[in-house]
């Protein structure tokens, strides 16, 4: 297992304490999310190492960037990564479940973002900590979207990355909470492969969504120009 720090252009992610390492999904979401509404308050649900929160601290001047993490080691890791960054005064991590957090917080956020648990099946071979972080039973789409609707300001947006094959069910749950897609980008790992992920940005406005697609690679380690343009502010070698 790789425990080496992951060096980005403007911050470092230490990942020796947690089973969840830096991955393409998190970097993609943090790079892709549209901040044109200039959010002053942000909530990152299930922050893991704190990656997405740090990306957003780099991208915008939001005074409040709150992160939420239930797994104890990941929580400690995120706190360390926040404190070691240039933006420690704007970043705060809560060690709690989403349900506990909702009971304590009365604030509304202008942006809510999450790289949520994906796997709906039980993998007995998966390390327990990793399973906690990646298993939908610890944070279902229904709970995530219901909580997001309660914590999001009326003019705010929320953004997620999910498996492509779950896009329809996710958007159905979102609509039940009066959340509607503003942007959808469907992601494939290679220009010749099927879609693997969906990047979604939603709000309470029921308007026609902008839909496009993104391929990461042309062939192994040969990246598309669109992908390089998206992540160039973060990866050292882009």
Protein backbone atom coordinates (compact mmCIF):
# COMPACT_ATOMS: atom_id res chain seq x y z
CA UNK A 1 0.00 0.00 0.00
CA UNK A 2 1.35 3.42 -0.97
CA UNK A 3 1.85 5.60 2.11
CA UNK A 4 4.09 8.23 0.50
CA UNK A 5 2.89 11.84 0.53
CA UNK A 6 1.24 12.98 -2.71
CA UNK A 7 2.70 16.29 -3.82
CA UNK A 8 0.44 18.67 -5.71
CA UNK A 9 1.50 22.05 -7.07
CA UNK A 10 0.37 24.05 -4.05
CA UNK A 11 -0.17 21.51 -1.27
CA UNK A 12 0.83 18.06 -0.06
CA UNK A 13 -1.46 15.19 0.88
CA UNK A 14 -0.07 12.92 3.58
CA UNK A 15 -1.86 9.58 3.43
CA UNK A 16 -0.01 7.25 5.79
CA UNK A 17 -2.79 7.11 8.43
CA UNK A 18 -5.75 6.23 6.24
CA UNK A 19 -6.74 3.39 3.92
CA UNK A 20 -8.18 5.83 1.39
CA UNK A 21 -5.45 7.26 -0.83
CA UNK A 22 -5.40 10.08 -3.35
CA UNK A 23 -7.37 8.96 -6.40
CA UNK A 24 -8.42 10.30 -9.77
CA UNK A 25 -12.08 10.66 -8.73
CA UNK A 26 -11.40 13.18 -5.97
CA UNK A 27 -8.98 15.22 -8.04
CA UNK A 28 -11.45 15.28 -10.93
CA UNK A 29 -14.32 16.50 -8.79
CA UNK A 30 -12.28 19.20 -7.09
CA UNK A 31 -10.95 20.42 -10.43
CA UNK A 32 -14.28 20.18 -12.28
CA UNK A 33 -16.70 21.85 -9.88
CA UNK A 34 -17.90 25.27 -11.05
CA UNK A 35 -17.31 28.03 -8.48
CA UNK A 36 -18.67 30.89 -10.57
CA UNK A 37 -21.24 31.67 -7.86
CA UNK A 38 -18.23 32.48 -5.64
CA UNK A 39 -19.31 30.45 -2.60
CA UNK A 40 -18.28 31.91 0.74
CA UNK A 41 -19.15 28.75 2.68
CA UNK A 42 -18.34 25.20 1.57
CA UNK A 43 -19.02 21.76 3.06
CA UNK A 44 -17.03 18.70 1.94
CA UNK A 45 -18.87 15.52 3.03
CA UNK A 46 -16.60 12.50 3.56
CA UNK A 47 -13.37 14.41 3.06
CA UNK A 48 -10.97 11.48 3.55
CA UNK A 49 -7.46 12.98 3.38
CA UNK A 50 -8.93 16.46 2.86
CA UNK A 51 -7.98 16.50 -0.82
CA UNK A 52 -11.08 18.18 -2.26
CA UNK A 53 -11.24 20.78 0.51
CA UNK A 54 -7.63 21.71 -0.21
CA UNK A 55 -8.33 21.94 -3.93
CA UNK A 56 -11.21 24.31 -3.24
CA UNK A 57 -9.09 26.38 -0.86
CA UNK A 58 -6.61 26.78 -3.72
CA UNK A 59 -9.33 27.59 -6.26
CA UNK A 60 -11.40 30.15 -4.36
CA UNK A 61 -11.44 32.60 -1.47
CA UNK A 62 -14.28 31.04 0.55
CA UNK A 63 -13.88 32.09 4.18
CA UNK A 64 -15.40 28.86 5.50
CA UNK A 65 -14.46 25.44 4.19
CA UNK A 66 -15.83 22.77 6.52
CA UNK A 67 -15.02 19.11 6.03
CA UNK A 68 -16.76 16.10 7.53
CA UNK A 69 -15.14 12.71 8.16
CA UNK A 70 -16.44 9.77 10.21
CA UNK A 71 -13.39 7.45 10.09
CA UNK A 72 -11.00 8.37 12.96
CA UNK A 73 -7.70 7.89 11.13
CA UNK A 74 -8.88 9.71 8.03
CA UNK A 75 -10.13 12.55 10.25
CA UNK A 76 -6.70 12.88 11.88
CA UNK A 77 -5.05 12.79 8.46
CA UNK A 78 -7.30 15.52 7.09
CA UNK A 79 -6.62 17.75 10.11
CA UNK A 80 -2.86 17.30 9.63
CA UNK A 81 -3.11 18.06 5.92
CA UNK A 82 -5.16 21.19 6.59
CA UNK A 83 -2.71 22.43 9.22
CA UNK A 84 0.26 21.80 6.91
CA UNK A 85 -1.31 23.82 4.07
CA UNK A 86 -1.30 27.55 3.36
CA UNK A 87 -5.01 27.74 4.10
CA UNK A 88 -5.28 26.26 7.59
CA UNK A 89 -7.17 29.30 8.86
CA UNK A 90 -10.04 28.61 6.40
CA UNK A 91 -10.23 24.83 6.75
CA UNK A 92 -11.93 22.93 9.58
CA UNK A 93 -12.68 19.23 9.89
CA UNK A 94 -15.52 17.74 11.96
CA UNK A 95 -15.22 14.17 13.26
CA UNK A 96 -18.84 13.03 13.02
CA UNK A 97 -21.37 11.22 10.87
CA UNK A 98 -23.48 13.28 8.51
CA UNK A 99 -26.53 12.60 10.68
CA UNK A 100 -24.72 13.85 13.82
CA UNK A 101 -23.45 16.88 11.97
CA UNK A 102 -26.95 17.81 10.79
CA UNK A 103 -28.24 17.72 14.37
CA UNK A 104 -25.59 20.23 15.50
CA UNK A 105 -25.34 22.64 12.56
CA UNK A 106 -27.91 25.30 11.73
CA UNK A 107 -25.88 26.98 8.99
CA UNK A 108 -26.53 26.80 5.27
CA UNK A 109 -23.70 26.28 2.80
CA UNK A 110 -23.33 27.88 -0.63
CA UNK A 111 -21.50 24.82 -1.97
CA UNK A 112 -21.73 21.22 -0.80
CA UNK A 113 -19.39 18.70 -2.41
CA UNK A 114 -18.84 14.98 -1.96
CA UNK A 115 -17.01 12.02 -3.43
CA UNK A 116 -19.46 9.60 -1.77
CA UNK A 117 -19.28 5.85 -1.10
CA UNK A 118 -19.76 3.81 -4.26
CA UNK A 119 -19.91 0.11 -3.67
CA UNK A 120 -23.34 -1.36 -3.05
CA UNK A 121 -22.07 -4.95 -2.68
CA UNK A 122 -20.16 -6.37 0.28
CA UNK A 123 -16.51 -7.15 -0.35
CA UNK A 124 -15.27 -9.34 2.48
CA UNK A 125 -11.67 -9.04 1.33
CA UNK A 126 -11.65 -5.25 1.52
CA UNK A 127 -9.90 -3.76 4.51
CA UNK A 128 -12.46 -2.63 7.09
CA UNK A 129 -11.44 1.04 7.05
CA UNK A 130 -11.53 1.16 3.27
CA UNK A 131 -14.89 -0.59 3.26
CA UNK A 132 -16.26 2.00 5.69
CA UNK A 133 -15.13 4.78 3.40
CA UNK A 134 -16.39 3.19 0.18
CA UNK A 135 -19.55 1.30 1.18
CA UNK A 136 -22.95 2.90 0.56
CA UNK A 137 -24.38 1.37 3.74
CA UNK A 138 -22.45 3.96 5.77
CA UNK A 139 -23.80 6.84 3.67
CA UNK A 140 -26.56 6.03 1.21
CA UNK A 141 -27.39 8.27 -1.72
CA UNK A 142 -30.81 8.92 -0.14
CA UNK A 143 -29.27 10.15 3.13
CA UNK A 144 -26.61 12.15 1.33
CA UNK A 145 -29.08 14.00 -0.88
CA UNK A 146 -31.65 14.55 1.85
CA UNK A 147 -28.96 16.06 4.07
CA UNK A 148 -27.57 18.12 1.22
CA UNK A 149 -31.00 19.62 0.53
CA UNK A 150 -31.32 20.62 4.20
CA UNK A 151 -27.83 22.10 4.48
CA UNK A 152 -27.68 23.88 1.10
CA UNK A 153 -28.60 27.54 0.73
CA UNK A 154 -31.43 28.30 -1.69
CA UNK A 155 -29.00 29.85 -4.18
CA UNK A 156 -26.24 27.29 -3.61
CA UNK A 157 -25.02 24.34 -5.66
CA UNK A 158 -23.85 20.84 -4.81
CA UNK A 159 -21.44 18.58 -6.70
CA UNK A 160 -20.75 14.84 -6.70
CA UNK A 161 -18.89 12.12 -8.57
CA UNK A 162 -20.70 8.79 -8.82
CA UNK A 163 -20.59 5.63 -10.94
CA UNK A 164 -22.08 6.29 -14.37
CA UNK A 165 -24.46 3.33 -14.06
CA UNK A 166 -25.98 4.92 -10.95
CA UNK A 167 -26.61 8.32 -12.53
CA UNK A 168 -30.34 7.80 -13.14
CA UNK A 169 -31.12 6.55 -9.63
CA UNK A 170 -28.99 9.29 -8.07
CA UNK A 171 -30.79 12.00 -10.04
CA UNK A 172 -34.15 10.46 -9.10
CA UNK A 173 -33.26 10.74 -5.40
CA UNK A 174 -32.04 14.29 -6.05
CA UNK A 175 -35.32 15.28 -7.67
CA UNK A 176 -37.21 13.96 -4.63
CA UNK A 177 -35.27 16.61 -2.69
CA UNK A 178 -35.93 19.34 -5.30
CA UNK A 179 -32.33 19.20 -6.51
CA UNK A 180 -31.84 19.33 -10.28
CA UNK A 181 -28.77 18.89 -12.50
CA UNK A 182 -27.13 22.04 -13.84
CA UNK A 183 -24.05 20.31 -15.29
CA UNK A 184 -23.31 16.68 -16.10
CA UNK A 185 -19.97 15.40 -17.37
CA UNK A 186 -19.74 11.69 -18.14
CA UNK A 187 -16.22 10.33 -17.73
CA UNK A 188 -14.45 7.43 -19.42
CA UNK A 189 -10.96 6.26 -18.53
CA UNK A 190 -9.94 5.85 -22.17
CA UNK A 191 -11.40 7.25 -25.38
CA UNK A 192 -12.24 3.68 -26.47
CA UNK A 193 -13.90 2.52 -23.23
CA UNK A 194 -17.39 2.93 -21.78
CA UNK A 195 -18.37 5.66 -19.38
CA UNK A 196 -17.22 4.96 -15.82
CA UNK A 197 -18.16 8.03 -13.76
CA UNK A 198 -20.62 10.90 -13.78
CA UNK A 199 -19.72 14.34 -12.48
CA UNK A 200 -22.88 16.13 -11.37
CA UNK A 201 -23.51 19.69 -10.20
CA UNK A 202 -27.03 20.38 -8.95
CA UNK A 203 -29.10 23.20 -7.49
CA UNK A 204 -32.68 24.01 -6.55
CA UNK A 205 -33.19 25.60 -10.00
CA UNK A 206 -35.02 23.29 -12.40
CA UNK A 207 -33.35 24.28 -15.66
CA UNK A 208 -31.92 22.47 -18.67
CA UNK A 209 -28.61 20.91 -17.72
CA UNK A 210 -25.38 21.24 -19.71
CA UNK A 211 -24.16 17.75 -20.64
CA UNK A 212 -20.75 16.81 -22.01
CA UNK A 213 -18.17 14.04 -21.73
CA UNK A 214 -14.55 13.64 -20.76
CA UNK A 215 -12.01 10.96 -21.65
CA UNK A 216 -8.93 10.81 -19.41
CA UNK A 217 -6.50 8.91 -21.62
CA UNK A 218 -5.90 8.33 -25.33
CA UNK A 219 -3.73 5.36 -24.37
CA UNK A 220 -1.91 4.36 -21.19
CA UNK A 221 -0.30 7.48 -19.64
CA UNK A 222 -1.13 9.58 -22.72
CA UNK A 223 -3.72 12.05 -21.50
CA UNK A 224 -6.30 13.96 -23.50
CA UNK A 225 -5.93 17.72 -23.82
CA UNK A 226 -9.30 18.24 -22.15
CA UNK A 227 -8.24 16.25 -19.09
CA UNK A 228 -4.86 17.98 -18.88
CA UNK A 229 -6.53 21.38 -19.09
CA UNK A 230 -8.91 20.41 -16.30
CA UNK A 231 -6.30 19.23 -13.77
CA UNK A 232 -3.24 21.29 -14.75
CA UNK A 233 -3.54 23.60 -11.74
CA UNK A 234 -3.06 20.66 -9.39
CA UNK A 235 -0.86 17.87 -10.79
CA UNK A 236 2.85 18.63 -10.88
CA UNK A 237 3.43 17.02 -14.27
CA UNK A 238 0.45 18.40 -16.17
